[in-house]
Amino acid sequence: MPRGDKDKYTDKQKRQAEHIEESYEAHGVSEKEAKRRAWATVNKISGGGKKGGSGGGKPENHEPMRRHFSNDILRR
């Protein structure tokens, strides 16, 4: 799997990244930088791509997303 390949991410993670990327672009961030920041945020929330094995692993940490969107509200 080459670097940057998103095949190992769930559909939910891909949707989150797309939504976050659109939000950054709406605030004037370049498309390339918005994509980088969006995937960094998704990785911070979920710990990366799909997790195998039994059990659920660690719960998602939504704090980075809250920070992103609370800053969004404060800028308006």
C-alpha atoms as a PDB file:
ATOM      1  CA  MET A   1       0.000   0.000   0.000  1.00  0.00           C
ATOM      2  CA  PRO A   2       1.592   3.292  -1.102  1.00  0.00           C
ATOM      3  CA  ARG A   3       1.750   6.250   1.240  1.00  0.00           C
ATOM      4  CA  GLY A   4      -1.401   8.318   1.206  1.00  0.00           C
ATOM      5  CA  ASP A   5      -3.612   5.405   0.119  1.00  0.00           C
ATOM      6  CA  LYS A   6      -7.034   5.762   1.789  1.00  0.00           C
ATOM      7  CA  ASP A   7      -8.301   2.204   1.097  1.00  0.00           C
ATOM      8  CA  LYS A   8      -7.905   1.192   4.755  1.00  0.00           C
ATOM      9  CA  TYR A   9     -10.287   3.871   6.020  1.00  0.00           C
ATOM     10  CA  THR A  10     -13.971   3.275   6.725  1.00  0.00           C
ATOM     11  CA  ASP A  11     -16.705   5.081   4.795  1.00  0.00           C
ATOM     12  CA  LYS A  12     -17.451   7.092   7.938  1.00  0.00           C
ATOM     13  CA  GLN A  13     -13.835   8.264   8.189  1.00  0.00           C
ATOM     14  CA  LYS A  14     -13.836   9.243   4.505  1.00  0.00           C
ATOM     15  CA  ARG A  15     -17.061  11.250   4.970  1.00  0.00           C
ATOM     16  CA  GLN A  16     -15.627  12.976   8.052  1.00  0.00           C
ATOM     17  CA  ALA A  17     -12.464  13.919   6.175  1.00  0.00           C
ATOM     18  CA  GLU A  18     -14.455  15.277   3.234  1.00  0.00           C
ATOM     19  CA  HIS A  19     -16.647  17.404   5.508  1.00  0.00           C
ATOM     20  CA  ILE A  20     -13.678  18.772   7.457  1.00  0.00           C
ATOM     21  CA  GLU A  21     -11.805  19.494   4.215  1.00  0.00           C
ATOM     22  CA  GLU A  22     -14.769  21.484   2.853  1.00  0.00           C
ATOM     23  CA  SER A  23     -14.888  23.489   6.065  1.00  0.00           C
ATOM     24  CA  TYR A  24     -11.211  24.423   5.793  1.00  0.00           C
ATOM     25  CA  GLU A  25     -11.606  25.372   2.136  1.00  0.00           C
ATOM     26  CA  ALA A  26     -14.560  27.601   3.030  1.00  0.00           C
ATOM     27  CA  HIS A  27     -12.177  29.471   5.340  1.00  0.00           C
ATOM     28  CA  GLY A  28      -9.674  30.119   2.559  1.00  0.00           C
ATOM     29  CA  VAL A  29      -7.223  27.261   3.162  1.00  0.00           C
ATOM     30  CA  SER A  30      -5.753  25.809  -0.037  1.00  0.00           C
ATOM     31  CA  GLU A  31      -7.190  22.515  -1.285  1.00  0.00           C
ATOM     32  CA  LYS A  32      -3.958  20.594  -0.647  1.00  0.00           C
ATOM     33  CA  GLU A  33      -3.536  21.964   2.887  1.00  0.00           C
ATOM     34  CA  ALA A  34      -7.230  21.442   3.674  1.00  0.00           C
ATOM     35  CA  LYS A  35      -6.965  17.774   2.654  1.00  0.00           C
ATOM     36  CA  ARG A  36      -3.830  17.311   4.784  1.00  0.00           C
ATOM     37  CA  ARG A  37      -5.450  18.919   7.831  1.00  0.00           C
ATOM     38  CA  ALA A  38      -8.687  16.966   7.371  1.00  0.00           C
ATOM     39  CA  TRP A  39      -6.937  13.575   7.325  1.00  0.00           C
ATOM     40  CA  ALA A  40      -4.744  14.605  10.269  1.00  0.00           C
ATOM     41  CA  THR A  41      -7.922  15.397  12.206  1.00  0.00           C
ATOM     42  CA  VAL A  42      -9.557  12.073  11.253  1.00  0.00           C
ATOM     43  CA  ASN A  43      -6.402  10.219  12.322  1.00  0.00           C
ATOM     44  CA  LYS A  44      -6.369  12.084  15.624  1.00  0.00           C
ATOM     45  CA  ILE A  45     -10.040  11.202  16.233  1.00  0.00           C
ATOM     46  CA  SER A  46      -9.939   7.540  15.261  1.00  0.00           C
ATOM     47  CA  GLY A  47      -6.289   6.564  15.499  1.00  0.00           C
ATOM     48  CA  GLY A  48      -5.950   5.806  11.771  1.00  0.00           C
ATOM     49  CA  GLY A  49      -7.588   3.343   9.386  1.00  0.00           C
ATOM     50  CA  LYS A  50      -9.709   0.261  10.027  1.00  0.00           C
ATOM     51  CA  LYS A  51      -8.843  -1.760  13.100  1.00  0.00           C
ATOM     52  CA  GLY A  52      -8.963  -5.541  12.874  1.00  0.00           C
ATOM     53  CA  GLY A  53      -9.599  -8.190  15.463  1.00  0.00           C
ATOM     54  CA  SER A  54     -12.347  -8.773  17.964  1.00  0.00           C
ATOM     55  CA  GLY A  55     -13.622  -6.104  20.259  1.00  0.00           C
ATOM     56  CA  GLY A  56     -13.991  -2.496  19.352  1.00  0.00           C
ATOM     57  CA  GLY A  57     -10.551  -1.261  20.261  1.00  0.00           C
ATOM     58  CA  LYS A  58     -10.355   2.211  21.724  1.00  0.00           C
ATOM     59  CA  PRO A  59     -13.345   4.558  21.587  1.00  0.00           C
ATOM     60  CA  GLU A  60     -13.084   7.526  19.254  1.00  0.00           C
ATOM     61  CA  ASN A  61     -11.809  10.792  20.720  1.00  0.00           C
ATOM     62  CA  HIS A  62     -13.951  13.591  19.247  1.00  0.00           C
ATOM     63  CA  GLU A  63     -12.115  16.397  21.042  1.00  0.00           C
ATOM     64  CA  PRO A  64     -10.055  17.426  17.961  1.00  0.00           C
ATOM     65  CA  MET A  65     -13.256  17.779  15.921  1.00  0.00           C
ATOM     66  CA  ARG A  66     -14.908  19.822  18.660  1.00  0.00           C
ATOM     67  CA  ARG A  67     -11.897  22.131  18.743  1.00  0.00           C
ATOM     68  CA  HIS A  68     -11.997  22.534  14.962  1.00  0.00           C
ATOM     69  CA  PHE A  69     -15.675  23.427  14.863  1.00  0.00           C
ATOM     70  CA  SER A  70     -15.686  25.575  18.002  1.00  0.00           C
ATOM     71  CA  ASN A  71     -12.905  27.678  16.460  1.00  0.00           C
ATOM     72  CA  ASP A  72     -15.045  27.852  13.315  1.00  0.00           C
ATOM     73  CA  ILE A  73     -17.930  29.326  15.296  1.00  0.00           C
ATOM     74  CA  LEU A  74     -15.717  31.834  17.113  1.00  0.00           C
ATOM     75  CA  ARG A  75     -14.391  33.239  13.822  1.00  0.00           C
ATOM     76  CA  ARG A  76     -17.837  34.203  12.547  1.00  0.00           C
END
